[in-house]
C-alpha atoms as a PDB file:
ATOM      1  CA  UNK A   1      94.738  31.814  -2.151  1.00  0.00           C
ATOM      2  CA  UNK A   2      91.302  30.624  -0.985  1.00  0.00           C
ATOM      3  CA  UNK A   3      91.397  28.710   2.220  1.00  0.00           C
ATOM      4  CA  UNK A   4      91.128  24.980   2.033  1.00  0.00           C
ATOM      5  CA  UNK A   5      88.328  23.223   3.929  1.00  0.00           C
ATOM      6  CA  UNK A   6      89.410  20.728   6.408  1.00  0.00           C
ATOM      7  CA  UNK A   7      88.119  17.091   5.797  1.00  0.00           C
ATOM      8  CA  UNK A   8      90.326  14.909   7.850  1.00  0.00           C
ATOM      9  CA  UNK A   9      92.293  15.006  11.011  1.00  0.00           C
ATOM     10  CA  UNK A  10      95.553  12.973  11.328  1.00  0.00           C
ATOM     11  CA  UNK A  11      96.245  12.137  15.030  1.00  0.00           C
ATOM     12  CA  UNK A  12      99.959  11.617  15.474  1.00  0.00           C
ATOM     13  CA  UNK A  13     101.390   9.690  18.633  1.00  0.00           C
ATOM     14  CA  UNK A  14     104.267   7.660  19.814  1.00  0.00           C
ATOM     15  CA  UNK A  15     104.496   4.269  21.592  1.00  0.00           C
ATOM     16  CA  UNK A  16     104.482   4.708  25.385  1.00  0.00           C
ATOM     17  CA  UNK A  17     107.609   3.512  27.118  1.00  0.00           C
ATOM     18  CA  UNK A  18     105.820   0.273  28.269  1.00  0.00           C
ATOM     19  CA  UNK A  19     104.788  -0.449  24.806  1.00  0.00           C
ATOM     20  CA  UNK A  20     108.415  -0.093  23.342  1.00  0.00           C
ATOM     21  CA  UNK A  21     109.815  -2.287  26.232  1.00  0.00           C
ATOM     22  CA  UNK A  22     107.166  -5.115  25.608  1.00  0.00           C
ATOM     23  CA  UNK A  23     107.941  -4.997  21.940  1.00  0.00           C
ATOM     24  CA  UNK A  24     111.534  -5.532  22.913  1.00  0.00           C
ATOM     25  CA  UNK A  25     111.069  -8.299  25.493  1.00  0.00           C
ATOM     26  CA  UNK A  26     107.959  -9.861  24.236  1.00  0.00           C
ATOM     27  CA  UNK A  27     106.123 -10.037  27.565  1.00  0.00           C
ATOM     28  CA  UNK A  28     105.054  -7.855  30.477  1.00  0.00           C
ATOM     29  CA  UNK A  29     106.679 -10.072  32.876  1.00  0.00           C
ATOM     30  CA  UNK A  30     110.110  -9.829  31.089  1.00  0.00           C
ATOM     31  CA  UNK A  31     109.540  -6.135  30.943  1.00  0.00           C
ATOM     32  CA  UNK A  32     108.811  -5.855  34.490  1.00  0.00           C
ATOM     33  CA  UNK A  33     111.964  -7.729  35.540  1.00  0.00           C
ATOM     34  CA  UNK A  34     114.151  -5.648  33.081  1.00  0.00           C
ATOM     35  CA  UNK A  35     112.708  -2.281  34.663  1.00  0.00           C
ATOM     36  CA  UNK A  36     113.038  -3.343  38.082  1.00  0.00           C
ATOM     37  CA  UNK A  37     116.600  -4.910  37.656  1.00  0.00           C
ATOM     38  CA  UNK A  38     117.738  -1.323  36.634  1.00  0.00           C
ATOM     39  CA  UNK A  39     116.090   0.120  39.756  1.00  0.00           C
ATOM     40  CA  UNK A  40     113.074   1.519  38.153  1.00  0.00           C
ATOM     41  CA  UNK A  41     109.327   1.157  39.042  1.00  0.00           C
ATOM     42  CA  UNK A  42     107.253  -0.836  36.895  1.00  0.00           C
ATOM     43  CA  UNK A  43     104.102   0.730  38.374  1.00  0.00           C
ATOM     44  CA  UNK A  44     105.265   4.026  37.163  1.00  0.00           C
ATOM     45  CA  UNK A  45     105.591   2.727  33.543  1.00  0.00           C
ATOM     46  CA  UNK A  46     102.072   1.296  33.866  1.00  0.00           C
ATOM     47  CA  UNK A  47     100.465   4.538  35.157  1.00  0.00           C
ATOM     48  CA  UNK A  48     102.055   6.498  32.320  1.00  0.00           C
ATOM     49  CA  UNK A  49     100.718   4.012  29.820  1.00  0.00           C
ATOM     50  CA  UNK A  50      97.336   4.111  31.278  1.00  0.00           C
ATOM     51  CA  UNK A  51      97.091   7.944  31.406  1.00  0.00           C
ATOM     52  CA  UNK A  52      98.458   8.233  27.964  1.00  0.00           C
ATOM     53  CA  UNK A  53      95.677   5.937  26.647  1.00  0.00           C
ATOM     54  CA  UNK A  54      92.913   7.559  28.703  1.00  0.00           C
ATOM     55  CA  UNK A  55      93.930  11.000  27.177  1.00  0.00           C
ATOM     56  CA  UNK A  56      93.976   9.387  23.477  1.00  0.00           C
ATOM     57  CA  UNK A  57      90.650   7.855  23.960  1.00  0.00           C
ATOM     58  CA  UNK A  58      89.124  11.163  25.084  1.00  0.00           C
ATOM     59  CA  UNK A  59      90.696  13.062  22.161  1.00  0.00           C
ATOM     60  CA  UNK A  60      89.448  10.619  19.674  1.00  0.00           C
ATOM     61  CA  UNK A  61      85.943  10.515  21.108  1.00  0.00           C
ATOM     62  CA  UNK A  62      85.569  14.310  20.973  1.00  0.00           C
ATOM     63  CA  UNK A  63      87.249  14.431  17.599  1.00  0.00           C
ATOM     64  CA  UNK A  64      84.649  11.912  15.994  1.00  0.00           C
ATOM     65  CA  UNK A  65      81.719  14.368  16.677  1.00  0.00           C
ATOM     66  CA  UNK A  66      83.291  17.007  14.419  1.00  0.00           C
ATOM     67  CA  UNK A  67      85.585  15.308  11.813  1.00  0.00           C
ATOM     68  CA  UNK A  68      86.792  12.180  10.446  1.00  0.00           C
ATOM     69  CA  UNK A  69      90.091  11.041  11.814  1.00  0.00           C
ATOM     70  CA  UNK A  70      92.750   8.354  11.878  1.00  0.00           C
ATOM     71  CA  UNK A  71      95.866   7.627  13.987  1.00  0.00           C
ATOM     72  CA  UNK A  72      99.343   7.110  12.873  1.00  0.00           C
ATOM     73  CA  UNK A  73     102.527   6.175  14.748  1.00  0.00           C
ATOM     74  CA  UNK A  74     105.563   8.534  14.534  1.00  0.00           C
ATOM     75  CA  UNK A  75     107.417   5.957  12.630  1.00  0.00           C
ATOM     76  CA  UNK A  76     105.319   6.507   9.545  1.00  0.00           C
ATOM     77  CA  UNK A  77     105.998  10.265   9.433  1.00  0.00           C
ATOM     78  CA  UNK A  78     108.932  10.254   7.029  1.00  0.00           C
ATOM     79  CA  UNK A  79     106.658   8.408   4.442  1.00  0.00           C
ATOM     80  CA  UNK A  80     103.398   9.850   5.087  1.00  0.00           C
ATOM     81  CA  UNK A  81     102.075  12.486   2.881  1.00  0.00           C
ATOM     82  CA  UNK A  82      99.961  15.073   4.533  1.00  0.00           C
ATOM     83  CA  UNK A  83      97.183  16.856   2.680  1.00  0.00           C
ATOM     84  CA  UNK A  84      96.066  20.566   2.659  1.00  0.00           C
ATOM     85  CA  UNK A  85      92.562  19.220   3.715  1.00  0.00           C
ATOM     86  CA  UNK A  86      94.130  17.705   6.910  1.00  0.00           C
ATOM     87  CA  UNK A  87      94.405  19.028  10.385  1.00  0.00           C
ATOM     88  CA  UNK A  88      97.288  17.447  12.146  1.00  0.00           C
ATOM     89  CA  UNK A  89      96.975  16.856  15.922  1.00  0.00           C
ATOM     90  CA  UNK A  90     100.021  15.734  17.782  1.00  0.00           C
ATOM     91  CA  UNK A  91      99.483  14.000  21.240  1.00  0.00           C
ATOM     92  CA  UNK A  92     102.777  13.308  23.160  1.00  0.00           C
ATOM     93  CA  UNK A  93     105.884  15.014  24.335  1.00  0.00           C
ATOM     94  CA  UNK A  94     107.484  18.171  22.885  1.00  0.00           C
ATOM     95  CA  UNK A  95     109.991  16.140  20.884  1.00  0.00           C
ATOM     96  CA  UNK A  96     107.038  14.625  18.924  1.00  0.00           C
ATOM     97  CA  UNK A  97     105.720  18.121  17.893  1.00  0.00           C
ATOM     98  CA  UNK A  98     109.336  19.026  16.771  1.00  0.00           C
ATOM     99  CA  UNK A  99     109.546  15.795  14.648  1.00  0.00           C
ATOM    100  CA  UNK A 100     105.989  16.064  13.078  1.00  0.00           C
ATOM    101  CA  UNK A 101     106.587  19.796  12.180  1.00  0.00           C
ATOM    102  CA  UNK A 102     109.326  18.760   9.750  1.00  0.00           C
ATOM    103  CA  UNK A 103     106.870  17.013   7.720  1.00  0.00           C
ATOM    104  CA  UNK A 104     103.676  19.076   8.249  1.00  0.00           C
ATOM    105  CA  UNK A 105     104.219  21.473   5.109  1.00  0.00           C
ATOM    106  CA  UNK A 106     102.538  24.412   6.715  1.00  0.00           C
ATOM    107  CA  UNK A 107      99.429  22.396   7.591  1.00  0.00           C
ATOM    108  CA  UNK A 108      97.800  23.652  10.942  1.00  0.00           C
ATOM    109  CA  UNK A 109      99.153  21.498  13.725  1.00  0.00           C
ATOM    110  CA  UNK A 110      97.409  21.210  17.134  1.00  0.00           C
ATOM    111  CA  UNK A 111      99.609  19.902  19.974  1.00  0.00           C
ATOM    112  CA  UNK A 112      98.140  18.330  22.990  1.00  0.00           C
ATOM    113  CA  UNK A 113      99.728  17.370  26.240  1.00  0.00           C
ATOM    114  CA  UNK A 114      98.292  13.956  27.276  1.00  0.00           C
ATOM    115  CA  UNK A 115      99.935  14.190  30.949  1.00  0.00           C
ATOM    116  CA  UNK A 116     100.238  17.614  32.362  1.00  0.00           C
ATOM    117  CA  UNK A 117     101.765  16.105  35.593  1.00  0.00           C
ATOM    118  CA  UNK A 118     104.496  14.402  33.827  1.00  0.00           C
ATOM    119  CA  UNK A 119     105.486  16.675  30.741  1.00  0.00           C
ATOM    120  CA  UNK A 120     106.384  20.432  30.888  1.00  0.00           C
ATOM    121  CA  UNK A 121     104.667  20.823  27.541  1.00  0.00           C
ATOM    122  CA  UNK A 122     106.414  23.911  26.444  1.00  0.00           C
ATOM    123  CA  UNK A 123     105.339  23.208  22.838  1.00  0.00           C
ATOM    124  CA  UNK A 124     101.980  21.579  24.030  1.00  0.00           C
ATOM    125  CA  UNK A 125      99.263  24.455  24.690  1.00  0.00           C
ATOM    126  CA  UNK A 126      96.391  22.238  24.780  1.00  0.00           C
ATOM    127  CA  UNK A 127      95.075  19.228  26.696  1.00  0.00           C
ATOM    128  CA  UNK A 128      92.415  16.613  25.897  1.00  0.00           C
ATOM    129  CA  UNK A 129      89.654  18.801  27.409  1.00  0.00           C
ATOM    130  CA  UNK A 130      90.071  22.020  25.499  1.00  0.00           C
ATOM    131  CA  UNK A 131      91.744  20.989  22.111  1.00  0.00           C
ATOM    132  CA  UNK A 132      88.518  20.648  20.459  1.00  0.00           C
ATOM    133  CA  UNK A 133      88.135  24.458  20.515  1.00  0.00           C
ATOM    134  CA  UNK A 134      91.248  24.686  18.302  1.00  0.00           C
ATOM    135  CA  UNK A 135      89.892  22.243  16.005  1.00  0.00           C
ATOM    136  CA  UNK A 136      86.667  24.073  15.704  1.00  0.00           C
ATOM    137  CA  UNK A 137      88.723  27.395  15.031  1.00  0.00           C
ATOM    138  CA  UNK A 138      90.852  25.845  12.408  1.00  0.00           C
ATOM    139  CA  UNK A 139      87.669  24.183  10.695  1.00  0.00           C
ATOM    140  CA  UNK A 140      85.917  27.659  10.469  1.00  0.00           C
ATOM    141  CA  UNK A 141      88.957  29.395   9.316  1.00  0.00           C
ATOM    142  CA  UNK A 142      89.267  31.621  12.264  1.00  0.00           C
ATOM    143  CA  UNK A 143      92.491  30.799  14.092  1.00  0.00           C
ATOM    144  CA  UNK A 144      95.895  32.397  14.778  1.00  0.00           C
ATOM    145  CA  UNK A 145      99.049  30.598  14.229  1.00  0.00           C
ATOM    146  CA  UNK A 146     102.489  30.455  15.946  1.00  0.00           C
ATOM    147  CA  UNK A 147     105.080  30.215  13.104  1.00  0.00           C
ATOM    148  CA  UNK A 148     108.339  28.605  13.789  1.00  0.00           C
ATOM    149  CA  UNK A 149     111.483  29.108  11.796  1.00  0.00           C
ATOM    150  CA  UNK A 150     113.752  26.056  11.236  1.00  0.00           C
ATOM    151  CA  UNK A 151     117.574  26.019  11.342  1.00  0.00           C
ATOM    152  CA  UNK A 152     119.433  24.431   8.224  1.00  0.00           C
ATOM    153  CA  UNK A 153     122.730  22.971   8.183  1.00  0.00           C
ATOM    154  CA  UNK A 154     124.342  22.567   4.754  1.00  0.00           C
ATOM    155  CA  UNK A 155     127.370  20.231   3.999  1.00  0.00           C
ATOM    156  CA  UNK A 156     130.040  20.650   1.374  1.00  0.00           C
ATOM    157  CA  UNK A 157     128.695  17.709  -0.649  1.00  0.00           C
ATOM    158  CA  UNK A 158     125.228  19.347  -1.076  1.00  0.00           C
ATOM    159  CA  UNK A 159     123.295  17.452   1.761  1.00  0.00           C
ATOM    160  CA  UNK A 160     121.232  19.611   4.044  1.00  0.00           C
ATOM    161  CA  UNK A 161     119.382  19.040   7.501  1.00  0.00           C
ATOM    162  CA  UNK A 162     116.435  20.984   8.961  1.00  0.00           C
ATOM    163  CA  UNK A 163     116.102  21.329  12.672  1.00  0.00           C
ATOM    164  CA  UNK A 164     112.924  22.319  14.760  1.00  0.00           C
ATOM    165  CA  UNK A 165     114.676  22.653  17.934  1.00  0.00           C
ATOM    166  CA  UNK A 166     118.457  22.304  17.655  1.00  0.00           C
ATOM    167  CA  UNK A 167     121.258  20.996  15.621  1.00  0.00           C
ATOM    168  CA  UNK A 168     124.278  19.060  17.033  1.00  0.00           C
ATOM    169  CA  UNK A 169     127.403  19.317  15.182  1.00  0.00           C
ATOM    170  CA  UNK A 170     130.174  16.887  16.324  1.00  0.00           C
ATOM    171  CA  UNK A 171     131.224  13.293  16.603  1.00  0.00           C
ATOM    172  CA  UNK A 172     128.909  10.516  17.119  1.00  0.00           C
ATOM    173  CA  UNK A 173     130.941   8.908  19.861  1.00  0.00           C
ATOM    174  CA  UNK A 174     132.547  10.019  22.978  1.00  0.00           C
ATOM    175  CA  UNK A 175     135.613  11.617  21.394  1.00  0.00           C
ATOM    176  CA  UNK A 176     136.653  15.240  20.861  1.00  0.00           C
ATOM    177  CA  UNK A 177     136.367  17.074  17.524  1.00  0.00           C
ATOM    178  CA  UNK A 178     139.186  19.324  16.276  1.00  0.00           C
ATOM    179  CA  UNK A 179     137.871  22.123  13.996  1.00  0.00           C
ATOM    180  CA  UNK A 180     138.250  25.895  13.160  1.00  0.00           C
ATOM    181  CA  UNK A 181     135.288  28.244  14.206  1.00  0.00           C
ATOM    182  CA  UNK A 182     134.656  31.734  13.096  1.00  0.00           C
ATOM    183  CA  UNK A 183     132.138  34.043  14.763  1.00  0.00           C
ATOM    184  CA  UNK A 184     131.959  37.781  14.585  1.00  0.00           C
ATOM    185  CA  UNK A 185     135.135  38.024  12.375  1.00  0.00           C
ATOM    186  CA  UNK A 186     137.324  36.066  14.909  1.00  0.00           C
ATOM    187  CA  UNK A 187     138.632  32.620  14.149  1.00  0.00           C
ATOM    188  CA  UNK A 188     140.052  29.996  16.463  1.00  0.00           C
ATOM    189  CA  UNK A 189     140.940  26.364  16.590  1.00  0.00           C
ATOM    190  CA  UNK A 190     139.040  24.264  19.037  1.00  0.00           C
ATOM    191  CA  UNK A 191     138.767  20.895  20.500  1.00  0.00           C
ATOM    192  CA  UNK A 192     135.405  20.029  21.965  1.00  0.00           C
ATOM    193  CA  UNK A 193     132.626  17.384  22.015  1.00  0.00           C
ATOM    194  CA  UNK A 194     130.617  19.474  19.533  1.00  0.00           C
ATOM    195  CA  UNK A 195     128.214  22.352  19.096  1.00  0.00           C
ATOM    196  CA  UNK A 196     124.721  22.735  19.998  1.00  0.00           C
ATOM    197  CA  UNK A 197     122.825  25.376  17.914  1.00  0.00           C
ATOM    198  CA  UNK A 198     119.342  26.213  19.117  1.00  0.00           C
ATOM    199  CA  UNK A 199     116.348  27.670  17.411  1.00  0.00           C
ATOM    200  CA  UNK A 200     113.896  29.975  19.347  1.00  0.00           C
ATOM    201  CA  UNK A 201     111.674  26.952  19.665  1.00  0.00           C
ATOM    202  CA  UNK A 202     114.343  24.786  21.094  1.00  0.00           C
ATOM    203  CA  UNK A 203     115.744  27.302  23.705  1.00  0.00           C
ATOM    204  CA  UNK A 204     113.883  25.570  26.301  1.00  0.00           C
ATOM    205  CA  UNK A 205     115.043  22.150  25.418  1.00  0.00           C
ATOM    206  CA  UNK A 206     118.635  20.853  25.118  1.00  0.00           C
ATOM    207  CA  UNK A 207     120.093  24.361  25.204  1.00  0.00           C
ATOM    208  CA  UNK A 208     118.468  24.714  28.580  1.00  0.00           C
ATOM    209  CA  UNK A 209     120.429  22.031  30.155  1.00  0.00           C
ATOM    210  CA  UNK A 210     123.638  23.677  28.935  1.00  0.00           C
ATOM    211  CA  UNK A 211     122.539  26.920  31.058  1.00  0.00           C
ATOM    212  CA  UNK A 212     121.496  24.682  33.937  1.00  0.00           C
ATOM    213  CA  UNK A 213     125.008  22.951  33.958  1.00  0.00           C
ATOM    214  CA  UNK A 214     126.917  26.246  33.432  1.00  0.00           C
ATOM    215  CA  UNK A 215     125.120  28.231  36.236  1.00  0.00           C
ATOM    216  CA  UNK A 216     125.208  25.127  38.430  1.00  0.00           C
ATOM    217  CA  UNK A 217     128.894  24.844  38.362  1.00  0.00           C
ATOM    218  CA  UNK A 218     129.469  28.754  38.668  1.00  0.00           C
ATOM    219  CA  UNK A 219     127.045  28.795  41.754  1.00  0.00           C
ATOM    220  CA  UNK A 220     128.902  25.828  43.503  1.00  0.00           C
ATOM    221  CA  UNK A 221     132.381  27.082  43.204  1.00  0.00           C
ATOM    222  CA  UNK A 222     131.866  30.903  43.155  1.00  0.00           C
ATOM    223  CA  UNK A 223     131.140  32.707  46.424  1.00  0.00           C
ATOM    224  CA  UNK A 224     127.677  34.251  46.547  1.00  0.00           C
ATOM    225  CA  UNK A 225     127.816  38.032  46.310  1.00  0.00           C
ATOM    226  CA  UNK A 226     126.563  39.702  49.461  1.00  0.00           C
ATOM    227  CA  UNK A 227     123.539  41.983  48.980  1.00  0.00           C
ATOM    228  CA  UNK A 228     124.338  45.317  47.844  1.00  0.00           C
ATOM    229  CA  UNK A 229     123.010  48.650  48.911  1.00  0.00           C
ATOM    230  CA  UNK A 230     122.616  52.061  47.069  1.00  0.00           C
ATOM    231  CA  UNK A 231     121.464  55.450  48.148  1.00  0.00           C
ATOM    232  CA  UNK A 232     118.177  56.669  47.235  1.00  0.00           C
ATOM    233  CA  UNK A 233     116.374  60.132  47.790  1.00  0.00           C
ATOM    234  CA  UNK A 234     114.820  60.573  51.251  1.00  0.00           C
ATOM    235  CA  UNK A 235     111.445  61.418  49.423  1.00  0.00           C
ATOM    236  CA  UNK A 236     111.130  58.058  47.920  1.00  0.00           C
ATOM    237  CA  UNK A 237     111.921  55.749  50.676  1.00  0.00           C
ATOM    238  CA  UNK A 238     111.630  56.219  54.489  1.00  0.00           C
ATOM    239  CA  UNK A 239     115.184  54.550  54.830  1.00  0.00           C
ATOM    240  CA  UNK A 240     117.848  56.124  52.659  1.00  0.00           C
ATOM    241  CA  UNK A 241     119.391  52.629  51.725  1.00  0.00           C
ATOM    242  CA  UNK A 242     117.576  50.361  49.272  1.00  0.00           C
ATOM    243  CA  UNK A 243     118.560  46.812  49.157  1.00  0.00           C
ATOM    244  CA  UNK A 244     119.399  45.249  45.786  1.00  0.00           C
ATOM    245  CA  UNK A 245     119.307  41.552  45.379  1.00  0.00           C
ATOM    246  CA  UNK A 246     121.986  39.911  43.255  1.00  0.00           C
ATOM    247  CA  UNK A 247     120.862  39.624  39.501  1.00  0.00           C
ATOM    248  CA  UNK A 248     119.205  36.373  38.569  1.00  0.00           C
ATOM    249  CA  UNK A 249     120.716  34.140  35.996  1.00  0.00           C
ATOM    250  CA  UNK A 250     120.321  35.640  32.414  1.00  0.00           C
ATOM    251  CA  UNK A 251     118.967  33.340  29.650  1.00  0.00           C
ATOM    252  CA  UNK A 252     118.614  35.261  26.168  1.00  0.00           C
ATOM    253  CA  UNK A 253     115.100  35.201  24.753  1.00  0.00           C
ATOM    254  CA  UNK A 254     115.493  34.444  20.925  1.00  0.00           C
ATOM    255  CA  UNK A 255     113.492  35.785  18.043  1.00  0.00           C
ATOM    256  CA  UNK A 256     112.504  33.643  15.164  1.00  0.00           C
ATOM    257  CA  UNK A 257     115.402  35.086  13.174  1.00  0.00           C
ATOM    258  CA  UNK A 258     118.029  34.167  15.586  1.00  0.00           C
ATOM    259  CA  UNK A 259     119.911  31.052  16.642  1.00  0.00           C
ATOM    260  CA  UNK A 260     122.077  30.484  19.585  1.00  0.00           C
ATOM    261  CA  UNK A 261     125.226  28.196  19.510  1.00  0.00           C
ATOM    262  CA  UNK A 262     127.131  26.745  22.481  1.00  0.00           C
ATOM    263  CA  UNK A 263     130.281  24.896  22.415  1.00  0.00           C
ATOM    264  CA  UNK A 264     130.042  21.713  24.425  1.00  0.00           C
ATOM    265  CA  UNK A 265     133.025  21.082  26.768  1.00  0.00           C
ATOM    266  CA  UNK A 266     135.559  23.121  25.094  1.00  0.00           C
ATOM    267  CA  UNK A 267     139.229  22.248  25.712  1.00  0.00           C
ATOM    268  CA  UNK A 268     142.003  24.614  26.101  1.00  0.00           C
ATOM    269  CA  UNK A 269     145.640  23.678  25.252  1.00  0.00           C
ATOM    270  CA  UNK A 270     148.676  25.019  23.494  1.00  0.00           C
ATOM    271  CA  UNK A 271     147.049  24.390  20.067  1.00  0.00           C
ATOM    272  CA  UNK A 272     143.356  24.899  20.932  1.00  0.00           C
ATOM    273  CA  UNK A 273     141.501  27.914  22.337  1.00  0.00           C
ATOM    274  CA  UNK A 274     138.147  28.492  24.243  1.00  0.00           C
ATOM    275  CA  UNK A 275     137.250  32.041  23.727  1.00  0.00           C
ATOM    276  CA  UNK A 276     134.399  31.560  21.488  1.00  0.00           C
ATOM    277  CA  UNK A 277     131.934  29.460  23.450  1.00  0.00           C
ATOM    278  CA  UNK A 278     128.603  30.935  22.856  1.00  0.00           C
ATOM    279  CA  UNK A 279     126.906  33.480  20.614  1.00  0.00           C
ATOM    280  CA  UNK A 280     123.847  34.628  18.909  1.00  0.00           C
ATOM    281  CA  UNK A 281     123.447  34.350  15.022  1.00  0.00           C
ATOM    282  CA  UNK A 282     121.153  36.566  13.104  1.00  0.00           C
ATOM    283  CA  UNK A 283     119.643  35.733   9.835  1.00  0.00           C
ATOM    284  CA  UNK A 284     121.597  37.184   7.016  1.00  0.00           C
END
């Protein structure tokens, strides 16, 4: 298939926290009162807002020199029809990249971190100063891409849902779900607050909080293992004992063909088990 020339850039953005609150409370004064009544700092919201718009303006200025463009809010994504002649430029947090990807239909997407001091930007490899290099590469058809595989959940009634980062299967309110789970040929009845199923792209997001919680609890209540020693040949070391530090926490690195599931808050009882709490699912 002949490459399609890019003629238009679509910038996708979200409202800042300050903008969303002003829409809700109508005025800056009421917004400031609300933030400070909750113990927050209004100045932090203002600073975040200013940095975002500085980055957005810089991006738009540079982009105007090489290609026509327009900016849309993320709320328009479900109804917006992207064209193969477009380049998609996302400026915001990682979640905006994940949300936009569901509607991109394979169109090249360049993700820009507007505030590197505030956002980790795992899915945001560019900033307002260097993103234009990626735009030039796409326009000249000389670029490499990082392909991401989606997870798909299908229901008995024919409905399906795609996920860029992760899927949550469970109740919408703060109650437990009762269900049967089958994994690696084993089935058990469980009661939990649900399952998180993560893609490779999402393994640094919601899933990472599950690991943080599990390892944090383990480290708090389990005594630290003393440093171990082992004997090594005298020719290799001056001392015959080599100190081995305790192994660091392990986090699996997923490939594009793998999903990792974790059961959230499994409850063990006479009727329910908690042996199947995590695992890696390979593409069939």
